[in-house]
Amino acid sequence: MTELPELPVNRPTERAPTHPGELFAEILEDHVKLSVAEAAVRMGITRQALYDVLGQKAAVSAPMALRFGKLVGGDPELYLAMQAHRDLWLAQQKLRPDLDAISPVR
């Protein structure tokens, strides 16, 4: 089987990258059909901790990504990459004036 080339993803830069909690919610609701309470029990975390991620009030940590990945058979690296991408984008927006004032060494 031939491997398909990886295509760049183009999205408007004015919109923040998707929070992984949105993906978590979609997986729980649409794919595994599991309540937040049941998912939290199975993951060994509080419902509030999971609600905070699903509601985008908390970032996805490495332990959360590992637990959720184990629960649903997902890739923890994907969840962490989504979070890192979002965090960098948000920081870039916040620090834009400061970053523009920095002169690169080369």
Protein backbone atom coordinates (compact mmCIF):
# COMPACT_ATOMS: atom_id res chain seq x y z
CA MET A 1 0.00 0.00 0.00
CA THR A 2 1.39 3.40 -0.93
CA GLU A 3 1.66 6.01 1.75
CA LEU A 4 -0.23 9.23 1.15
CA PRO A 5 1.69 12.48 1.50
CA GLU A 6 0.97 14.56 4.56
CA LEU A 7 -0.96 17.64 3.55
CA PRO A 8 -0.63 20.94 5.36
CA VAL A 9 -3.66 22.07 7.32
CA ASN A 10 -4.70 25.60 6.56
CA ARG A 11 -6.92 27.38 9.03
CA PRO A 12 -7.52 31.04 9.65
CA THR A 13 -4.82 32.39 11.95
CA GLU A 14 -7.30 34.61 13.76
CA ARG A 15 -9.01 31.54 15.25
CA ALA A 16 -7.36 29.73 18.12
CA PRO A 17 -6.48 26.07 17.55
CA THR A 18 -9.04 23.64 18.89
CA HIS A 19 -8.81 22.79 22.57
CA PRO A 20 -8.39 19.01 23.00
CA GLY A 21 -11.35 19.07 25.40
CA GLU A 22 -13.59 19.55 22.35
CA LEU A 23 -12.23 16.33 20.91
CA PHE A 24 -12.62 14.56 24.27
CA ALA A 25 -16.28 15.62 24.41
CA GLU A 26 -16.96 14.46 20.86
CA ILE A 27 -15.34 11.08 21.52
CA LEU A 28 -17.27 10.55 24.75
CA GLU A 29 -20.63 11.67 23.36
CA ASP A 30 -20.58 10.44 19.78
CA HIS A 31 -18.22 7.49 19.68
CA VAL A 32 -18.02 5.66 23.00
CA LYS A 33 -21.35 6.94 24.35
CA LEU A 34 -20.02 7.30 27.88
CA SER A 35 -21.22 9.79 30.49
CA VAL A 36 -18.74 12.18 32.03
CA ALA A 37 -19.37 10.61 35.44
CA GLU A 38 -18.62 7.09 34.16
CA ALA A 39 -15.58 8.26 32.19
CA ALA A 40 -14.19 10.03 35.26
CA VAL A 41 -14.65 6.95 37.45
CA ARG A 42 -12.95 4.73 34.88
CA MET A 43 -10.09 7.23 34.51
CA GLY A 44 -9.63 7.54 38.27
CA ILE A 45 -10.21 11.31 38.33
CA THR A 46 -12.91 13.60 39.64
CA ARG A 47 -15.87 14.55 37.48
CA GLN A 48 -14.92 18.19 38.02
CA ALA A 49 -11.43 17.62 36.60
CA LEU A 50 -12.92 16.06 33.48
CA TYR A 51 -15.63 18.74 33.20
CA ASP A 52 -12.92 21.41 33.41
CA VAL A 53 -11.09 19.91 30.43
CA LEU A 54 -14.28 19.32 28.45
CA GLY A 55 -15.36 22.91 29.15
CA GLN A 56 -11.92 24.24 28.16
CA LYS A 57 -11.36 25.65 31.64
CA ALA A 58 -8.28 23.46 32.14
CA ALA A 59 -5.45 22.38 29.89
CA VAL A 60 -4.89 18.73 29.05
CA SER A 61 -1.93 17.51 31.08
CA ALA A 62 0.24 14.50 30.30
CA PRO A 63 -1.49 12.38 32.98
CA MET A 64 -4.93 13.39 31.64
CA ALA A 65 -3.89 12.58 28.07
CA LEU A 66 -2.58 9.17 29.16
CA ARG A 67 -5.73 8.35 31.13
CA PHE A 68 -8.08 9.46 28.36
CA GLY A 69 -6.04 7.65 25.72
CA LYS A 70 -6.20 4.45 27.74
CA LEU A 71 -9.95 4.85 28.23
CA VAL A 72 -10.86 5.33 24.59
CA GLY A 73 -7.89 3.83 22.77
CA GLY A 74 -6.69 7.24 21.61
CA ASP A 75 -3.25 8.70 21.11
CA PRO A 76 -2.04 10.71 24.14
CA GLU A 77 0.56 12.43 21.96
CA LEU A 78 -2.22 13.86 19.79
CA TYR A 79 -4.00 15.39 22.79
CA LEU A 80 -0.76 16.90 24.10
CA ALA A 81 0.19 18.22 20.66
CA MET A 82 -3.23 19.87 20.35
CA GLN A 83 -2.79 21.48 23.76
CA ALA A 84 0.76 22.67 23.01
CA HIS A 85 -0.32 24.11 19.67
CA ARG A 86 -3.17 25.99 21.35
CA ASP A 87 -0.96 27.22 24.21
CA LEU A 88 1.67 28.55 21.80
CA TRP A 89 -0.92 30.29 19.66
CA LEU A 90 -2.53 31.95 22.70
CA ALA A 91 0.86 33.04 24.06
CA GLN A 92 1.83 34.44 20.68
CA GLN A 93 -1.33 36.52 20.58
CA LYS A 94 -0.77 37.82 24.09
CA LEU A 95 2.95 38.54 23.63
CA ARG A 96 2.83 39.88 20.06
CA PRO A 97 4.01 43.43 20.93
CA ASP A 98 6.81 42.10 23.14
CA LEU A 99 7.89 39.57 20.52
CA ASP A 100 7.88 42.20 17.79
CA ALA A 101 10.29 44.30 19.90
CA ILE A 102 12.86 41.49 20.20
CA SER A 103 15.75 41.71 17.74
CA PRO A 104 16.94 38.25 16.70
CA VAL A 105 20.64 37.48 17.19
CA ARG A 106 20.98 36.59 13.51
